Amino acid sequence: MISSLSYQPQLQMKVAPIEASNGLSRVFAAAVVNRQFCQMLLQDPYYALQNGYLGETFKLSDEERDLIVSIRAESLSDFARQINFVLGNQA
């Protein structure tokens, strides 16, 4: 039997193919080194991207920005897994 805590339906989205960019890598780097930015990214990704990190904004394509804003995750590892899943399924 599957408990409600162990089963989480996965949302699949179709987006235009994009590759991980330097901007996307910088978003993850900021989240890894700064707990406050990481929490902001997980709780309100739109706000996190708008405010940037240490006064620097992220250079993201519209598709990358839309993807990041669409993610709902409880942890940075879950966030990264979802990003990698979408990027990996665009081939």
N, C-alpha and C. Protein backbone atom coordinates (compact mmCIF):
# COMPACT_ATOMS: atom_id res chain seq x y z
N MET A 1 0.84 -1.17 0.00
CA MET A 1 0.00 0.00 0.00
C MET A 1 0.89 1.25 0.00
N ILE A 2 0.50 2.23 -0.76
CA ILE A 2 1.25 3.48 -0.86
C ILE A 2 0.58 4.50 0.04
N SER A 3 1.36 5.04 0.96
CA SER A 3 0.79 6.07 1.83
C SER A 3 0.79 7.40 1.10
N SER A 4 -0.05 8.31 1.57
CA SER A 4 -0.14 9.63 0.93
C SER A 4 1.16 10.41 1.05
N LEU A 5 1.99 10.07 2.04
CA LEU A 5 3.26 10.76 2.21
C LEU A 5 4.33 10.27 1.24
N SER A 6 4.20 9.05 0.76
CA SER A 6 5.24 8.53 -0.13
C SER A 6 4.90 8.69 -1.60
N TYR A 7 3.65 8.95 -1.92
CA TYR A 7 3.26 9.12 -3.31
C TYR A 7 3.05 10.59 -3.61
N GLN A 8 3.80 11.10 -4.57
CA GLN A 8 3.63 12.46 -5.02
C GLN A 8 3.56 12.45 -6.54
N PRO A 9 2.41 12.81 -7.09
CA PRO A 9 2.30 12.81 -8.55
C PRO A 9 3.29 13.81 -9.15
N GLN A 10 3.83 13.45 -10.29
CA GLN A 10 4.80 14.30 -10.97
C GLN A 10 4.12 15.08 -12.07
N LEU A 11 4.37 16.36 -12.10
CA LEU A 11 3.84 17.22 -13.14
C LEU A 11 4.83 17.22 -14.30
N GLN A 12 4.36 16.90 -15.48
CA GLN A 12 5.22 16.93 -16.64
C GLN A 12 4.86 18.12 -17.50
N MET A 13 5.86 18.87 -17.90
CA MET A 13 5.64 20.05 -18.72
C MET A 13 6.41 19.90 -20.02
N LYS A 14 5.85 20.42 -21.06
CA LYS A 14 6.55 20.47 -22.34
C LYS A 14 7.02 21.91 -22.52
N VAL A 15 8.33 22.07 -22.65
CA VAL A 15 8.90 23.39 -22.88
C VAL A 15 9.87 23.31 -24.04
N ALA A 16 10.15 24.44 -24.62
CA ALA A 16 11.10 24.47 -25.73
C ALA A 16 12.47 24.02 -25.22
N PRO A 17 13.24 23.30 -26.04
CA PRO A 17 14.54 22.82 -25.60
C PRO A 17 15.46 23.96 -25.17
N ILE A 18 16.05 23.79 -23.99
CA ILE A 18 17.06 24.72 -23.52
C ILE A 18 18.18 23.91 -22.90
N GLU A 19 19.34 24.48 -22.87
CA GLU A 19 20.46 23.84 -22.22
C GLU A 19 20.82 24.66 -20.99
N ALA A 20 21.45 24.00 -20.03
CA ALA A 20 21.86 24.72 -18.83
C ALA A 20 22.84 25.82 -19.24
N SER A 21 22.55 27.02 -18.79
CA SER A 21 23.39 28.16 -19.14
C SER A 21 24.23 28.57 -17.95
N ASN A 22 25.10 29.52 -18.20
CA ASN A 22 25.90 30.07 -17.12
C ASN A 22 24.99 30.73 -16.08
N GLY A 23 23.91 31.38 -16.54
CA GLY A 23 22.97 32.01 -15.61
C GLY A 23 22.30 31.00 -14.71
N LEU A 24 21.91 29.87 -15.27
CA LEU A 24 21.29 28.81 -14.48
C LEU A 24 22.29 28.25 -13.47
N SER A 25 23.51 28.07 -13.90
CA SER A 25 24.56 27.59 -12.99
C SER A 25 24.79 28.57 -11.85
N ARG A 26 24.72 29.86 -12.15
CA ARG A 26 24.92 30.88 -11.12
C ARG A 26 23.78 30.90 -10.11
N VAL A 27 22.57 30.61 -10.57
CA VAL A 27 21.43 30.52 -9.64
C VAL A 27 21.70 29.40 -8.63
N PHE A 28 22.13 28.24 -9.13
CA PHE A 28 22.42 27.12 -8.23
C PHE A 28 23.60 27.42 -7.31
N ALA A 29 24.62 28.07 -7.84
CA ALA A 29 25.79 28.41 -7.02
C ALA A 29 25.38 29.33 -5.88
N ALA A 30 24.56 30.33 -6.17
CA ALA A 30 24.09 31.25 -5.13
C ALA A 30 23.28 30.50 -4.07
N ALA A 31 22.45 29.57 -4.51
CA ALA A 31 21.62 28.81 -3.57
C ALA A 31 22.47 27.89 -2.69
N VAL A 32 23.55 27.37 -3.24
CA VAL A 32 24.42 26.48 -2.47
C VAL A 32 25.18 27.25 -1.39
N VAL A 33 25.65 28.43 -1.72
CA VAL A 33 26.51 29.16 -0.77
C VAL A 33 25.74 30.06 0.19
N ASN A 34 24.45 30.30 -0.07
CA ASN A 34 23.70 31.21 0.78
C ASN A 34 22.34 30.62 1.14
N ARG A 35 22.19 30.26 2.39
CA ARG A 35 20.96 29.61 2.85
C ARG A 35 19.74 30.51 2.67
N GLN A 36 19.90 31.82 2.89
CA GLN A 36 18.78 32.75 2.75
C GLN A 36 18.31 32.81 1.30
N PHE A 37 19.25 32.90 0.35
CA PHE A 37 18.86 32.91 -1.06
C PHE A 37 18.20 31.59 -1.44
N CYS A 38 18.75 30.49 -0.94
CA CYS A 38 18.18 29.17 -1.22
C CYS A 38 16.73 29.09 -0.76
N GLN A 39 16.45 29.53 0.45
CA GLN A 39 15.08 29.50 0.96
C GLN A 39 14.16 30.40 0.13
N MET A 40 14.68 31.56 -0.27
CA MET A 40 13.89 32.45 -1.10
C MET A 40 13.59 31.80 -2.45
N LEU A 41 14.58 31.13 -3.03
CA LEU A 41 14.40 30.44 -4.31
C LEU A 41 13.34 29.35 -4.19
N LEU A 42 13.35 28.62 -3.10
CA LEU A 42 12.38 27.54 -2.91
C LEU A 42 10.98 28.08 -2.60
N GLN A 43 10.90 29.15 -1.84
CA GLN A 43 9.60 29.68 -1.43
C GLN A 43 8.97 30.61 -2.47
N ASP A 44 9.78 31.42 -3.12
CA ASP A 44 9.27 32.38 -4.09
C ASP A 44 10.32 32.59 -5.18
N PRO A 45 10.41 31.65 -6.11
CA PRO A 45 11.47 31.73 -7.13
C PRO A 45 11.40 33.01 -7.95
N TYR A 46 10.22 33.51 -8.23
CA TYR A 46 10.11 34.75 -9.00
C TYR A 46 10.79 35.89 -8.26
N TYR A 47 10.50 36.03 -6.99
CA TYR A 47 11.09 37.08 -6.16
C TYR A 47 12.61 36.92 -6.08
N ALA A 48 13.06 35.68 -5.91
CA ALA A 48 14.50 35.41 -5.81
C ALA A 48 15.21 35.85 -7.09
N LEU A 49 14.64 35.53 -8.23
CA LEU A 49 15.26 35.91 -9.50
C LEU A 49 15.22 37.41 -9.72
N GLN A 50 14.13 38.05 -9.33
CA GLN A 50 14.01 39.50 -9.49
C GLN A 50 15.05 40.24 -8.65
N ASN A 51 15.31 39.75 -7.45
CA ASN A 51 16.24 40.43 -6.54
C ASN A 51 17.69 40.04 -6.77
N GLY A 52 17.92 38.89 -7.36
CA GLY A 52 19.29 38.47 -7.61
C GLY A 52 20.02 38.09 -6.33
N TYR A 53 21.33 38.08 -6.42
CA TYR A 53 22.17 37.68 -5.28
C TYR A 53 23.33 38.65 -5.16
N LEU A 54 23.49 39.25 -4.01
CA LEU A 54 24.54 40.23 -3.74
C LEU A 54 24.55 41.35 -4.78
N GLY A 55 23.36 41.81 -5.14
CA GLY A 55 23.23 42.92 -6.07
C GLY A 55 23.40 42.56 -7.54
N GLU A 56 23.62 41.30 -7.85
CA GLU A 56 23.80 40.86 -9.22
C GLU A 56 22.60 40.03 -9.66
N THR A 57 22.03 40.38 -10.81
CA THR A 57 20.91 39.60 -11.34
C THR A 57 21.45 38.46 -12.19
N PHE A 58 20.59 37.53 -12.49
CA PHE A 58 20.97 36.35 -13.26
C PHE A 58 20.58 36.53 -14.72
N LYS A 59 21.48 36.19 -15.62
CA LYS A 59 21.21 36.29 -17.05
C LYS A 59 20.60 34.97 -17.51
N LEU A 60 19.27 34.97 -17.58
CA LEU A 60 18.52 33.76 -17.94
C LEU A 60 17.67 34.03 -19.17
N SER A 61 17.48 32.99 -19.96
CA SER A 61 16.54 33.10 -21.07
C SER A 61 15.12 33.10 -20.49
N ASP A 62 14.17 33.51 -21.31
CA ASP A 62 12.77 33.48 -20.86
C ASP A 62 12.36 32.07 -20.49
N GLU A 63 12.83 31.07 -21.25
CA GLU A 63 12.49 29.67 -20.98
C GLU A 63 13.08 29.22 -19.64
N GLU A 64 14.32 29.61 -19.36
CA GLU A 64 14.94 29.25 -18.08
C GLU A 64 14.19 29.89 -16.92
N ARG A 65 13.87 31.17 -17.08
CA ARG A 65 13.15 31.88 -16.02
C ARG A 65 11.78 31.23 -15.78
N ASP A 66 11.06 30.91 -16.85
CA ASP A 66 9.76 30.26 -16.72
C ASP A 66 9.88 28.90 -16.04
N LEU A 67 10.91 28.16 -16.40
CA LEU A 67 11.13 26.85 -15.79
C LEU A 67 11.39 26.98 -14.29
N ILE A 68 12.29 27.87 -13.91
CA ILE A 68 12.62 28.05 -12.50
C ILE A 68 11.38 28.48 -11.71
N VAL A 69 10.62 29.40 -12.24
CA VAL A 69 9.43 29.90 -11.54
C VAL A 69 8.37 28.82 -11.41
N SER A 70 8.35 27.86 -12.33
CA SER A 70 7.34 26.80 -12.28
C SER A 70 7.65 25.70 -11.28
N ILE A 71 8.87 25.60 -10.82
CA ILE A 71 9.29 24.52 -9.92
C ILE A 71 8.75 24.75 -8.51
N ARG A 72 8.24 23.68 -7.93
CA ARG A 72 7.83 23.68 -6.52
C ARG A 72 8.60 22.55 -5.86
N ALA A 73 9.51 22.93 -4.97
CA ALA A 73 10.37 21.94 -4.33
C ALA A 73 10.54 22.27 -2.86
N GLU A 74 10.82 21.24 -2.08
CA GLU A 74 11.04 21.41 -0.64
C GLU A 74 12.51 21.56 -0.29
N SER A 75 13.39 21.15 -1.22
CA SER A 75 14.82 21.22 -0.95
C SER A 75 15.55 21.59 -2.24
N LEU A 76 16.79 22.03 -2.10
CA LEU A 76 17.57 22.38 -3.28
C LEU A 76 17.85 21.15 -4.13
N SER A 77 18.06 20.02 -3.51
CA SER A 77 18.30 18.80 -4.28
C SER A 77 17.07 18.41 -5.09
N ASP A 78 15.88 18.57 -4.53
CA ASP A 78 14.65 18.31 -5.26
C ASP A 78 14.48 19.32 -6.40
N PHE A 79 14.80 20.57 -6.12
CA PHE A 79 14.75 21.62 -7.14
C PHE A 79 15.66 21.26 -8.32
N ALA A 80 16.89 20.88 -8.02
CA ALA A 80 17.85 20.50 -9.06
C ALA A 80 17.39 19.27 -9.82
N ARG A 81 16.82 18.30 -9.12
CA ARG A 81 16.33 17.10 -9.77
C ARG A 81 15.25 17.44 -10.78
N GLN A 82 14.34 18.31 -10.40
CA GLN A 82 13.25 18.70 -11.31
C GLN A 82 13.78 19.46 -12.53
N ILE A 83 14.73 20.35 -12.31
CA ILE A 83 15.35 21.08 -13.43
C ILE A 83 16.03 20.08 -14.37
N ASN A 84 16.83 19.19 -13.81
CA ASN A 84 17.55 18.20 -14.63
C ASN A 84 16.58 17.29 -15.37
N PHE A 85 15.47 16.94 -14.75
CA PHE A 85 14.48 16.09 -15.39
C PHE A 85 13.92 16.77 -16.63
N VAL A 86 13.54 18.03 -16.51
CA VAL A 86 13.00 18.78 -17.65
C VAL A 86 14.06 18.94 -18.73
N LEU A 87 15.25 19.35 -18.35
CA LEU A 87 16.32 19.56 -19.34
C LEU A 87 16.71 18.24 -20.01
N GLY A 88 16.70 17.15 -19.26
CA GLY A 88 17.08 15.86 -19.80
C GLY A 88 16.05 15.26 -20.74
N ASN A 89 14.79 15.67 -20.61
CA ASN A 89 13.72 15.13 -21.44
C ASN A 89 13.42 15.99 -22.67
N GLN A 90 14.30 16.91 -22.96
CA GLN A 90 14.07 17.77 -24.11
C GLN A 90 14.79 17.29 -25.36
N ALA A 91 15.53 16.24 -25.24
CA ALA A 91 16.29 15.74 -26.40
C ALA A 91 15.40 15.11 -27.43
